[in-house]
Amino acid sequence: MKAKARRIPEFNSEDEERAFWATHSPLDYFDSGSARRASFPDLKPSLKSISIRVPSDMLAELKTLANKKDVPYQSLAKVFLARQIAIERGAQAATVSRRAKRPSRQAS
């Protein structure tokens, strides 16, 4: 049977706390009986790997641009995709907005 978890002492400084944890185990201060299942609904979605076939000259150009910006080429490709998606969404929203503002044509 496991002994009851001890209380974590109050510390006056980070140095004092650092010294304490260097010589003590957090497991001695953890009460598994008070643990609860957690839900994290607002977490960012995880990344998904995909495979895209692009012409070799396009990939070479992307790598050159990424090198000039000192970022990995995959990251730069994600930035470009995100930017174009935002542009396309804006264009769709503008089209819908223009259609909504048009006066309706009724037969006289």
PDB file of N, CA and C in Angstrom:
ATOM      1  N   MET A   1       0.841  -1.188   0.000  1.00  0.00           N
ATOM      2  CA  MET A   1       0.000   0.000   0.000  1.00  0.00           C
ATOM      3  C   MET A   1       0.884   1.248   0.000  1.00  0.00           C
ATOM      4  N   LYS A   2       0.528   2.203  -0.824  1.00  0.00           N
ATOM      5  CA  LYS A   2       1.337   3.417  -0.960  1.00  0.00           C
ATOM      6  C   LYS A   2       1.021   4.394   0.171  1.00  0.00           C
ATOM      7  N   ALA A   3       2.067   5.054   0.644  1.00  0.00           N
ATOM      8  CA  ALA A   3       1.895   6.049   1.702  1.00  0.00           C
ATOM      9  C   ALA A   3       1.187   7.273   1.137  1.00  0.00           C
ATOM     10  N   LYS A   4       0.514   8.017   2.002  1.00  0.00           N
ATOM     11  CA  LYS A   4      -0.200   9.227   1.595  1.00  0.00           C
ATOM     12  C   LYS A   4       0.787  10.281   1.097  1.00  0.00           C
ATOM     13  N   ALA A   5       0.396  11.003   0.064  1.00  0.00           N
ATOM     14  CA  ALA A   5       1.261  12.034  -0.514  1.00  0.00           C
ATOM     15  C   ALA A   5       1.501  13.148   0.487  1.00  0.00           C
ATOM     16  N   ARG A   6       2.729  13.661   0.491  1.00  0.00           N
ATOM     17  CA  ARG A   6       3.103  14.751   1.396  1.00  0.00           C
ATOM     18  C   ARG A   6       2.771  16.093   0.758  1.00  0.00           C
ATOM     19  N   ARG A   7       2.674  17.119   1.587  1.00  0.00           N
ATOM     20  CA  ARG A   7       2.431  18.477   1.093  1.00  0.00           C
ATOM     21  C   ARG A   7       3.724  19.089   0.592  1.00  0.00           C
ATOM     22  N   ILE A   8       3.621  19.824  -0.509  1.00  0.00           N
ATOM     23  CA  ILE A   8       4.785  20.529  -1.053  1.00  0.00           C
ATOM     24  C   ILE A   8       5.014  21.760  -0.183  1.00  0.00           C
ATOM     25  N   PRO A   9       6.240  21.954   0.298  1.00  0.00           N
ATOM     26  CA  PRO A   9       6.496  23.115   1.168  1.00  0.00           C
ATOM     27  C   PRO A   9       6.456  24.429   0.397  1.00  0.00           C
ATOM     28  N   GLU A  10       6.285  25.521   1.140  1.00  0.00           N
ATOM     29  CA  GLU A  10       6.339  26.861   0.558  1.00  0.00           C
ATOM     30  C   GLU A  10       7.801  27.235   0.347  1.00  0.00           C
ATOM     31  N   PHE A  11       8.091  27.896  -0.774  1.00  0.00           N
ATOM     32  CA  PHE A  11       9.459  28.306  -1.083  1.00  0.00           C
ATOM     33  C   PHE A  11       9.536  29.824  -1.127  1.00  0.00           C
ATOM     34  N   ASN A  12      10.659  30.356  -0.674  1.00  0.00           N
ATOM     35  CA  ASN A  12      10.869  31.809  -0.672  1.00  0.00           C
ATOM     36  C   ASN A  12      11.483  32.310  -1.980  1.00  0.00           C
ATOM     37  N   SER A  13      12.098  31.398  -2.734  1.00  0.00           N
ATOM     38  CA  SER A  13      12.724  31.797  -3.995  1.00  0.00           C
ATOM     39  C   SER A  13      12.770  30.601  -4.939  1.00  0.00           C
ATOM     40  N   GLU A  14      13.032  30.895  -6.191  1.00  0.00           N
ATOM     41  CA  GLU A  14      13.171  29.818  -7.168  1.00  0.00           C
ATOM     42  C   GLU A  14      14.404  28.976  -6.887  1.00  0.00           C
ATOM     43  N   ASP A  15      15.459  29.617  -6.395  1.00  0.00           N
ATOM     44  CA  ASP A  15      16.679  28.874  -6.056  1.00  0.00           C
ATOM     45  C   ASP A  15      16.401  27.855  -4.950  1.00  0.00           C
ATOM     46  N   GLU A  16      15.618  28.258  -3.952  1.00  0.00           N
ATOM     47  CA  GLU A  16      15.266  27.355  -2.859  1.00  0.00           C
ATOM     48  C   GLU A  16      14.432  26.187  -3.388  1.00  0.00           C
ATOM     49  N   GLU A  17      13.480  26.477  -4.274  1.00  0.00           N
ATOM     50  CA  GLU A  17      12.644  25.431  -4.856  1.00  0.00           C
ATOM     51  C   GLU A  17      13.476  24.491  -5.733  1.00  0.00           C
ATOM     52  N   ARG A  18      14.393  25.052  -6.520  1.00  0.00           N
ATOM     53  CA  ARG A  18      15.262  24.250  -7.368  1.00  0.00           C
ATOM     54  C   ARG A  18      16.107  23.292  -6.538  1.00  0.00           C
ATOM     55  N   ALA A  19      16.653  23.785  -5.437  1.00  0.00           N
ATOM     56  CA  ALA A  19      17.470  22.937  -4.556  1.00  0.00           C
ATOM     57  C   ALA A  19      16.624  21.823  -3.939  1.00  0.00           C
ATOM     58  N   PHE A  20      15.384  22.148  -3.565  1.00  0.00           N
ATOM     59  CA  PHE A  20      14.493  21.150  -2.975  1.00  0.00           C
ATOM     60  C   PHE A  20      14.205  20.024  -3.963  1.00  0.00           C
ATOM     61  N   TRP A  21      13.810  20.383  -5.209  1.00  0.00           N
ATOM     62  CA  TRP A  21      13.442  19.362  -6.182  1.00  0.00           C
ATOM     63  C   TRP A  21      14.646  18.580  -6.689  1.00  0.00           C
ATOM     64  N   ALA A  22      15.845  19.116  -6.529  1.00  0.00           N
ATOM     65  CA  ALA A  22      17.049  18.384  -6.912  1.00  0.00           C
ATOM     66  C   ALA A  22      17.283  17.192  -5.990  1.00  0.00           C
ATOM     67  N   THR A  23      16.721  17.247  -4.772  1.00  0.00           N
ATOM     68  CA  THR A  23      16.957  16.173  -3.797  1.00  0.00           C
ATOM     69  C   THR A  23      15.690  15.415  -3.423  1.00  0.00           C
ATOM     70  N   HIS A  24      14.546  15.745  -4.011  1.00  0.00           N
ATOM     71  CA  HIS A  24      13.276  15.086  -3.700  1.00  0.00           C
ATOM     72  C   HIS A  24      12.589  14.613  -4.972  1.00  0.00           C
ATOM     73  N   SER A  25      11.792  13.584  -4.851  1.00  0.00           N
ATOM     74  CA  SER A  25      11.047  13.055  -5.994  1.00  0.00           C
ATOM     75  C   SER A  25       9.637  13.638  -6.022  1.00  0.00           C
ATOM     76  N   PRO A  26       9.184  14.122  -7.172  1.00  0.00           N
ATOM     77  CA  PRO A  26       7.809  14.626  -7.271  1.00  0.00           C
ATOM     78  C   PRO A  26       6.774  13.523  -6.996  1.00  0.00           C
ATOM     79  N   LEU A  27       7.155  12.270  -7.214  1.00  0.00           N
ATOM     80  CA  LEU A  27       6.221  11.168  -6.984  1.00  0.00           C
ATOM     81  C   LEU A  27       5.811  11.049  -5.518  1.00  0.00           C
ATOM     82  N   ASP A  28       6.675  11.514  -4.603  1.00  0.00           N
ATOM     83  CA  ASP A  28       6.329  11.491  -3.182  1.00  0.00           C
ATOM     84  C   ASP A  28       5.273  12.545  -2.845  1.00  0.00           C
ATOM     85  N   TYR A  29       5.047  13.490  -3.725  1.00  0.00           N
ATOM     86  CA  TYR A  29       4.125  14.594  -3.469  1.00  0.00           C
ATOM     87  C   TYR A  29       2.906  14.558  -4.393  1.00  0.00           C
ATOM     88  N   PHE A  30       2.740  13.469  -5.112  1.00  0.00           N
ATOM     89  CA  PHE A  30       1.647  13.327  -6.064  1.00  0.00           C
ATOM     90  C   PHE A  30       0.579  12.410  -5.491  1.00  0.00           C
ATOM     91  N   ASP A  31      -0.664  12.885  -5.475  1.00  0.00           N
ATOM     92  CA  ASP A  31      -1.774  12.095  -4.977  1.00  0.00           C
ATOM     93  C   ASP A  31      -2.591  11.598  -6.165  1.00  0.00           C
ATOM     94  N   SER A  32      -2.436  10.338  -6.516  1.00  0.00           N
ATOM     95  CA  SER A  32      -3.145   9.794  -7.678  1.00  0.00           C
ATOM     96  C   SER A  32      -4.647   9.681  -7.430  1.00  0.00           C
ATOM     97  N   GLY A  33      -5.066   9.716  -6.162  1.00  0.00           N
ATOM     98  CA  GLY A  33      -6.492   9.638  -5.851  1.00  0.00           C
ATOM     99  C   GLY A  33      -7.262  10.875  -6.274  1.00  0.00           C
ATOM    100  N   SER A  34      -6.591  11.999  -6.392  1.00  0.00           N
ATOM    101  CA  SER A  34      -7.280  13.233  -6.794  1.00  0.00           C
ATOM    102  C   SER A  34      -7.201  13.480  -8.300  1.00  0.00           C
ATOM    103  N   ALA A  35      -6.600  12.558  -9.034  1.00  0.00           N
ATOM    104  CA  ALA A  35      -6.478  12.718 -10.482  1.00  0.00           C
ATOM    105  C   ALA A  35      -7.845  12.554 -11.142  1.00  0.00           C
ATOM    106  N   ARG A  36      -8.096  13.380 -12.177  1.00  0.00           N
ATOM    107  CA  ARG A  36      -9.359  13.316 -12.918  1.00  0.00           C
ATOM    108  C   ARG A  36      -9.046  13.265 -14.403  1.00  0.00           C
ATOM    109  N   ARG A  37      -9.949  12.676 -15.169  1.00  0.00           N
ATOM    110  CA  ARG A  37      -9.800  12.666 -16.618  1.00  0.00           C
ATOM    111  C   ARG A  37     -10.034  14.086 -17.127  1.00  0.00           C
ATOM    112  N   ALA A  38      -9.167  14.534 -18.030  1.00  0.00           N
ATOM    113  CA  ALA A  38      -9.264  15.902 -18.544  1.00  0.00           C
ATOM    114  C   ALA A  38      -9.705  15.900 -19.999  1.00  0.00           C
ATOM    115  N   SER A  39     -10.336  16.972 -20.390  1.00  0.00           N
ATOM    116  CA  SER A  39     -10.747  17.175 -21.769  1.00  0.00           C
ATOM    117  C   SER A  39     -10.147  18.485 -22.253  1.00  0.00           C
ATOM    118  N   PHE A  40      -9.572  18.470 -23.449  1.00  0.00           N
ATOM    119  CA  PHE A  40      -8.938  19.661 -24.014  1.00  0.00           C
ATOM    120  C   PHE A  40      -9.549  19.947 -25.387  1.00  0.00           C
ATOM    121  N   PRO A  41     -10.751  20.512 -25.430  1.00  0.00           N
ATOM    122  CA  PRO A  41     -11.435  20.702 -26.710  1.00  0.00           C
ATOM    123  C   PRO A  41     -10.829  21.772 -27.609  1.00  0.00           C
ATOM    124  N   ASP A  42     -10.031  22.686 -27.074  1.00  0.00           N
ATOM    125  CA  ASP A  42      -9.507  23.793 -27.881  1.00  0.00           C
ATOM    126  C   ASP A  42      -8.074  23.578 -28.356  1.00  0.00           C
ATOM    127  N   LEU A  43      -7.593  22.331 -28.309  1.00  0.00           N
ATOM    128  CA  LEU A  43      -6.242  22.072 -28.787  1.00  0.00           C
ATOM    129  C   LEU A  43      -6.177  22.244 -30.294  1.00  0.00           C
ATOM    130  N   LYS A  44      -5.032  22.675 -30.772  1.00  0.00           N
ATOM    131  CA  LYS A  44      -4.843  22.813 -32.209  1.00  0.00           C
ATOM    132  C   LYS A  44      -4.835  21.417 -32.830  1.00  0.00           C
ATOM    133  N   PRO A  45      -5.358  21.298 -34.044  1.00  0.00           N
ATOM    134  CA  PRO A  45      -5.338  19.984 -34.679  1.00  0.00           C
ATOM    135  C   PRO A  45      -3.907  19.546 -34.961  1.00  0.00           C
ATOM    136  N   SER A  46      -3.670  18.259 -34.887  1.00  0.00           N
ATOM    137  CA  SER A  46      -2.324  17.763 -35.145  1.00  0.00           C
ATOM    138  C   SER A  46      -2.034  17.820 -36.650  1.00  0.00           C
ATOM    139  N   LEU A  47      -0.783  17.784 -36.965  1.00  0.00           N
ATOM    140  CA  LEU A  47      -0.372  17.840 -38.360  1.00  0.00           C
ATOM    141  C   LEU A  47      -0.588  16.486 -39.014  1.00  0.00           C
ATOM    142  N   LYS A  48      -0.865  16.508 -40.273  1.00  0.00           N
ATOM    143  CA  LYS A  48      -1.039  15.286 -41.044  1.00  0.00           C
ATOM    144  C   LYS A  48      -0.076  15.327 -42.217  1.00  0.00           C
ATOM    145  N   SER A  49       0.666  14.269 -42.375  1.00  0.00           N
ATOM    146  CA  SER A  49       1.612  14.191 -43.485  1.00  0.00           C
ATOM    147  C   SER A  49       0.876  13.873 -44.767  1.00  0.00           C
ATOM    148  N   ILE A  50       1.270  14.557 -45.833  1.00  0.00           N
ATOM    149  CA  ILE A  50       0.708  14.284 -47.156  1.00  0.00           C
ATOM    150  C   ILE A  50       1.863  14.172 -48.140  1.00  0.00           C
ATOM    151  N   SER A  51       1.560  13.647 -49.288  1.00  0.00           N
ATOM    152  CA  SER A  51       2.549  13.557 -50.355  1.00  0.00           C
ATOM    153  C   SER A  51       2.022  14.366 -51.533  1.00  0.00           C
ATOM    154  N   ILE A  52       2.843  15.263 -52.030  1.00  0.00           N
ATOM    155  CA  ILE A  52       2.463  16.105 -53.170  1.00  0.00           C
ATOM    156  C   ILE A  52       3.528  15.951 -54.240  1.00  0.00           C
ATOM    157  N   ARG A  53       3.102  15.738 -55.443  1.00  0.00           N
ATOM    158  CA  ARG A  53       4.045  15.646 -56.566  1.00  0.00           C
ATOM    159  C   ARG A  53       4.106  17.018 -57.233  1.00  0.00           C
ATOM    160  N   VAL A  54       5.310  17.572 -57.265  1.00  0.00           N
ATOM    161  CA  VAL A  54       5.518  18.869 -57.919  1.00  0.00           C
ATOM    162  C   VAL A  54       6.679  18.731 -58.900  1.00  0.00           C
ATOM    163  N   PRO A  55       6.686  19.549 -59.926  1.00  0.00           N
ATOM    164  CA  PRO A  55       7.821  19.506 -60.857  1.00  0.00           C
ATOM    165  C   PRO A  55       9.126  19.816 -60.116  1.00  0.00           C
ATOM    166  N   SER A  56      10.189  19.162 -60.534  1.00  0.00           N
ATOM    167  CA  SER A  56      11.467  19.324 -59.834  1.00  0.00           C
ATOM    168  C   SER A  56      11.960  20.766 -59.863  1.00  0.00           C
ATOM    169  N   ASP A  57      11.707  21.494 -60.963  1.00  0.00           N
ATOM    170  CA  ASP A  57      12.147  22.897 -61.003  1.00  0.00           C
ATOM    171  C   ASP A  57      11.363  23.754 -60.010  1.00  0.00           C
ATOM    172  N   MET A  58      10.073  23.424 -59.779  1.00  0.00           N
ATOM    173  CA  MET A  58       9.282  24.154 -58.788  1.00  0.00           C
ATOM    174  C   MET A  58       9.824  23.895 -57.384  1.00  0.00           C
ATOM    175  N   LEU A  59      10.168  22.632 -57.109  1.00  0.00           N
ATOM    176  CA  LEU A  59      10.725  22.295 -55.802  1.00  0.00           C
ATOM    177  C   LEU A  59      12.077  22.982 -55.597  1.00  0.00           C
ATOM    178  N   ALA A  60      12.891  23.015 -56.647  1.00  0.00           N
ATOM    179  CA  ALA A  60      14.195  23.685 -56.548  1.00  0.00           C
ATOM    180  C   ALA A  60      14.008  25.171 -56.255  1.00  0.00           C
ATOM    181  N   GLU A  61      13.028  25.800 -56.906  1.00  0.00           N
ATOM    182  CA  GLU A  61      12.761  27.224 -56.664  1.00  0.00           C
ATOM    183  C   GLU A  61      12.267  27.456 -55.245  1.00  0.00           C
ATOM    184  N   LEU A  62      11.390  26.560 -54.778  1.00  0.00           N
ATOM    185  CA  LEU A  62      10.891  26.669 -53.403  1.00  0.00           C
ATOM    186  C   LEU A  62      12.037  26.553 -52.405  1.00  0.00           C
ATOM    187  N   LYS A  63      12.937  25.606 -52.639  1.00  0.00           N
ATOM    188  CA  LYS A  63      14.093  25.425 -51.747  1.00  0.00           C
ATOM    189  C   LYS A  63      15.009  26.647 -51.775  1.00  0.00           C
ATOM    190  N   THR A  64      15.169  27.241 -52.967  1.00  0.00           N
ATOM    191  CA  THR A  64      15.996  28.451 -53.075  1.00  0.00           C
ATOM    192  C   THR A  64      15.378  29.602 -52.286  1.00  0.00           C
ATOM    193  N   LEU A  65      14.075  29.792 -52.447  1.00  0.00           N
ATOM    194  CA  LEU A  65      13.384  30.857 -51.704  1.00  0.00           C
ATOM    195  C   LEU A  65      13.471  30.609 -50.197  1.00  0.00           C
ATOM    196  N   ALA A  66      13.273  29.374 -49.796  1.00  0.00           N
ATOM    197  CA  ALA A  66      13.330  29.031 -48.374  1.00  0.00           C
ATOM    198  C   ALA A  66      14.724  29.285 -47.822  1.00  0.00           C
ATOM    199  N   ASN A  67      15.735  28.953 -48.601  1.00  0.00           N
ATOM    200  CA  ASN A  67      17.109  29.169 -48.169  1.00  0.00           C
ATOM    201  C   ASN A  67      17.382  30.660 -47.970  1.00  0.00           C
ATOM    202  N   LYS A  68      16.869  31.501 -48.876  1.00  0.00           N
ATOM    203  CA  LYS A  68      17.048  32.956 -48.749  1.00  0.00           C
ATOM    204  C   LYS A  68      16.364  33.494 -47.502  1.00  0.00           C
ATOM    205  N   LYS A  69      15.233  32.873 -47.135  1.00  0.00           N
ATOM    206  CA  LYS A  69      14.487  33.311 -45.951  1.00  0.00           C
ATOM    207  C   LYS A  69      14.955  32.591 -44.682  1.00  0.00           C
ATOM    208  N   ASP A  70      15.873  31.639 -44.843  1.00  0.00           N
ATOM    209  CA  ASP A  70      16.428  30.862 -43.740  1.00  0.00           C
ATOM    210  C   ASP A  70      15.334  30.098 -42.971  1.00  0.00           C
ATOM    211  N   VAL A  71      14.464  29.431 -43.736  1.00  0.00           N
ATOM    212  CA  VAL A  71      13.415  28.586 -43.148  1.00  0.00           C
ATOM    213  C   VAL A  71      13.401  27.258 -43.907  1.00  0.00           C
ATOM    214  N   PRO A  72      12.903  26.208 -43.293  1.00  0.00           N
ATOM    215  CA  PRO A  72      12.776  24.942 -44.025  1.00  0.00           C
ATOM    216  C   PRO A  72      11.781  25.081 -45.177  1.00  0.00           C
ATOM    217  N   TYR A  73      12.053  24.398 -46.284  1.00  0.00           N
ATOM    218  CA  TYR A  73      11.176  24.570 -47.452  1.00  0.00           C
ATOM    219  C   TYR A  73       9.766  24.062 -47.196  1.00  0.00           C
ATOM    220  N   GLN A  74       9.610  23.031 -46.341  1.00  0.00           N
ATOM    221  CA  GLN A  74       8.257  22.554 -46.039  1.00  0.00           C
ATOM    222  C   GLN A  74       7.464  23.630 -45.304  1.00  0.00           C
ATOM    223  N   SER A  75       8.117  24.355 -44.406  1.00  0.00           N
ATOM    224  CA  SER A  75       7.446  25.436 -43.671  1.00  0.00           C
ATOM    225  C   SER A  75       7.038  26.555 -44.620  1.00  0.00           C
ATOM    226  N   LEU A  76       7.913  26.882 -45.548  1.00  0.00           N
ATOM    227  CA  LEU A  76       7.588  27.923 -46.522  1.00  0.00           C
ATOM    228  C   LEU A  76       6.413  27.484 -47.399  1.00  0.00           C
ATOM    229  N   ALA A  77       6.388  26.219 -47.783  1.00  0.00           N
ATOM    230  CA  ALA A  77       5.273  25.708 -48.583  1.00  0.00           C
ATOM    231  C   ALA A  77       3.965  25.829 -47.799  1.00  0.00           C
ATOM    232  N   LYS A  78       3.988  25.551 -46.501  1.00  0.00           N
ATOM    233  CA  LYS A  78       2.781  25.697 -45.677  1.00  0.00           C
ATOM    234  C   LYS A  78       2.334  27.148 -45.615  1.00  0.00           C
ATOM    235  N   VAL A  79       3.275  28.075 -45.520  1.00  0.00           N
ATOM    236  CA  VAL A  79       2.938  29.497 -45.496  1.00  0.00           C
ATOM    237  C   VAL A  79       2.277  29.897 -46.806  1.00  0.00           C
ATOM    238  N   PHE A  80       2.861  29.454 -47.922  1.00  0.00           N
ATOM    239  CA  PHE A  80       2.292  29.778 -49.225  1.00  0.00           C
ATOM    240  C   PHE A  80       0.891  29.189 -49.385  1.00  0.00           C
ATOM    241  N   LEU A  81       0.701  27.946 -48.973  1.00  0.00           N
ATOM    242  CA  LEU A  81      -0.620  27.321 -49.059  1.00  0.00           C
ATOM    243  C   LEU A  81      -1.639  28.064 -48.196  1.00  0.00           C
ATOM    244  N   ALA A  82      -1.246  28.389 -46.962  1.00  0.00           N
ATOM    245  CA  ALA A  82      -2.163  29.097 -46.050  1.00  0.00           C
ATOM    246  C   ALA A  82      -2.545  30.456 -46.620  1.00  0.00           C
ATOM    247  N   ARG A  83      -1.581  31.157 -47.206  1.00  0.00           N
ATOM    248  CA  ARG A  83      -1.845  32.477 -47.785  1.00  0.00           C
ATOM    249  C   ARG A  83      -2.823  32.364 -48.949  1.00  0.00           C
ATOM    250  N   GLN A  84      -2.614  31.402 -49.822  1.00  0.00           N
ATOM    251  CA  GLN A  84      -3.492  31.243 -50.979  1.00  0.00           C
ATOM    252  C   GLN A  84      -4.892  30.811 -50.553  1.00  0.00           C
ATOM    253  N   ILE A  85      -4.981  29.951 -49.550  1.00  0.00           N
ATOM    254  CA  ILE A  85      -6.296  29.541 -49.042  1.00  0.00           C
ATOM    255  C   ILE A  85      -7.043  30.757 -48.495  1.00  0.00           C
ATOM    256  N   ALA A  86      -6.340  31.614 -47.758  1.00  0.00           N
ATOM    257  CA  ALA A  86      -6.968  32.826 -47.218  1.00  0.00           C
ATOM    258  C   ALA A  86      -7.441  33.737 -48.347  1.00  0.00           C
ATOM    259  N   ILE A  87      -6.641  33.855 -49.391  1.00  0.00           N
ATOM    260  CA  ILE A  87      -7.027  34.687 -50.544  1.00  0.00           C
ATOM    261  C   ILE A  87      -8.276  34.113 -51.195  1.00  0.00           C
ATOM    262  N   GLU A  88      -8.287  32.806 -51.411  1.00  0.00           N
ATOM    263  CA  GLU A  88      -9.439  32.159 -52.045  1.00  0.00           C
ATOM    264  C   GLU A  88     -10.695  32.310 -51.184  1.00  0.00           C
ATOM    265  N   ARG A  89     -10.558  32.155 -49.888  1.00  0.00           N
ATOM    266  CA  ARG A  89     -11.715  32.333 -48.997  1.00  0.00           C
ATOM    267  C   ARG A  89     -12.219  33.766 -49.054  1.00  0.00           C
ATOM    268  N   GLY A  90     -11.302  34.715 -49.094  1.00  0.00           N
ATOM    269  CA  GLY A  90     -11.686  36.121 -49.202  1.00  0.00           C
ATOM    270  C   GLY A  90     -12.404  36.399 -50.509  1.00  0.00           C
ATOM    271  N   ALA A  91     -11.933  35.803 -51.591  1.00  0.00           N
ATOM    272  CA  ALA A  91     -12.564  35.992 -52.896  1.00  0.00           C
ATOM    273  C   ALA A  91     -13.968  35.404 -52.886  1.00  0.00           C
ATOM    274  N   GLN A  92     -14.138  34.243 -52.266  1.00  0.00           N
ATOM    275  CA  GLN A  92     -15.462  33.625 -52.183  1.00  0.00           C
ATOM    276  C   GLN A  92     -16.389  34.478 -51.329  1.00  0.00           C
ATOM    277  N   ALA A  93     -15.876  34.979 -50.216  1.00  0.00           N
ATOM    278  CA  ALA A  93     -16.691  35.815 -49.335  1.00  0.00           C
ATOM    279  C   ALA A  93     -17.102  37.097 -50.052  1.00  0.00           C
ATOM    280  N   ALA A  94     -16.185  37.682 -50.838  1.00  0.00           N
ATOM    281  CA  ALA A  94     -16.496  38.910 -51.572  1.00  0.00           C
ATOM    282  C   ALA A  94     -17.562  38.643 -52.628  1.00  0.00           C
ATOM    283  N   THR A  95     -17.492  37.491 -53.295  1.00  0.00           N
ATOM    284  CA  THR A  95     -18.490  37.140 -54.307  1.00  0.00           C
ATOM    285  C   THR A  95     -19.863  36.985 -53.664  1.00  0.00           C
ATOM    286  N   VAL A  96     -19.907  36.294 -52.551  1.00  0.00           N
ATOM    287  CA  VAL A  96     -21.173  36.104 -51.834  1.00  0.00           C
ATOM    288  C   VAL A  96     -21.713  37.445 -51.370  1.00  0.00           C
ATOM    289  N   SER A  97     -20.828  38.311 -50.875  1.00  0.00           N
ATOM    290  CA  SER A  97     -21.230  39.632 -50.396  1.00  0.00           C
ATOM    291  C   SER A  97     -21.796  40.483 -51.529  1.00  0.00           C
ATOM    292  N   ARG A  98     -21.128  40.437 -52.701  1.00  0.00           N
ATOM    293  CA  ARG A  98     -21.614  41.213 -53.853  1.00  0.00           C
ATOM    294  C   ARG A  98     -22.983  40.712 -54.296  1.00  0.00           C
ATOM    295  N   ARG A  99     -23.177  39.418 -54.281  1.00  0.00           N
ATOM    296  CA  ARG A  99     -24.463  38.852 -54.683  1.00  0.00           C
ATOM    297  C   ARG A  99     -25.561  39.269 -53.716  1.00  0.00           C
ATOM    298  N   ALA A 100     -25.226  39.320 -52.447  1.00  0.00           N
ATOM    299  CA  ALA A 100     -26.221  39.691 -51.429  1.00  0.00           C
ATOM    300  C   ALA A 100     -26.603  41.164 -51.548  1.00  0.00           C
ATOM    301  N   LYS A 101     -25.670  42.021 -51.991  1.00  0.00           N
ATOM    302  CA  LYS A 101     -25.942  43.457 -52.084  1.00  0.00           C
ATOM    303  C   LYS A 101     -26.665  43.846 -53.366  1.00  0.00           C
ATOM    304  N   ARG A 102     -26.652  42.965 -54.378  1.00  0.00           N
ATOM    305  CA  ARG A 102     -27.317  43.265 -55.650  1.00  0.00           C
ATOM    306  C   ARG A 102     -28.822  43.391 -55.448  1.00  0.00           C
ATOM    307  N   PRO A 103     -29.411  44.427 -56.068  1.00  0.00           N
ATOM    308  CA  PRO A 103     -30.870  44.513 -55.994  1.00  0.00           C
ATOM    309  C   PRO A 103     -31.488  43.371 -56.780  1.00  0.00           C
ATOM    310  N   SER A 104     -32.548  42.812 -56.246  1.00  0.00           N
ATOM    311  CA  SER A 104     -33.188  41.692 -56.939  1.00  0.00           C
ATOM    312  C   SER A 104     -33.923  42.215 -58.166  1.00  0.00           C
ATOM    313  N   ARG A 105     -33.875  41.445 -59.229  1.00  0.00           N
ATOM    314  CA  ARG A 105     -34.539  41.824 -60.482  1.00  0.00           C
ATOM    315  C   ARG A 105     -35.912  41.164 -60.508  1.00  0.00           C
ATOM    316  N   GLN A 106     -36.925  41.984 -60.503  1.00  0.00           N
ATOM    317  CA  GLN A 106     -38.269  41.454 -60.548  1.00  0.00           C
ATOM    318  C   GLN A 106     -38.924  41.882 -61.863  1.00  0.00           C
ATOM    319  N   ALA A 107     -39.712  40.987 -62.422  1.00  0.00           N
ATOM    320  CA  ALA A 107     -40.397  41.309 -63.673  1.00  0.00           C
ATOM    321  C   ALA A 107     -41.467  42.342 -63.423  1.00  0.00           C
ATOM    322  N   SER A 108     -41.560  43.365 -64.296  1.00  0.00           N
ATOM    323  CA  SER A 108     -42.546  44.423 -64.115  1.00  0.00           C
ATOM    324  C   SER A 108     -43.780  44.192 -64.922  1.00  0.00           C
TER     325      SER A 108
END
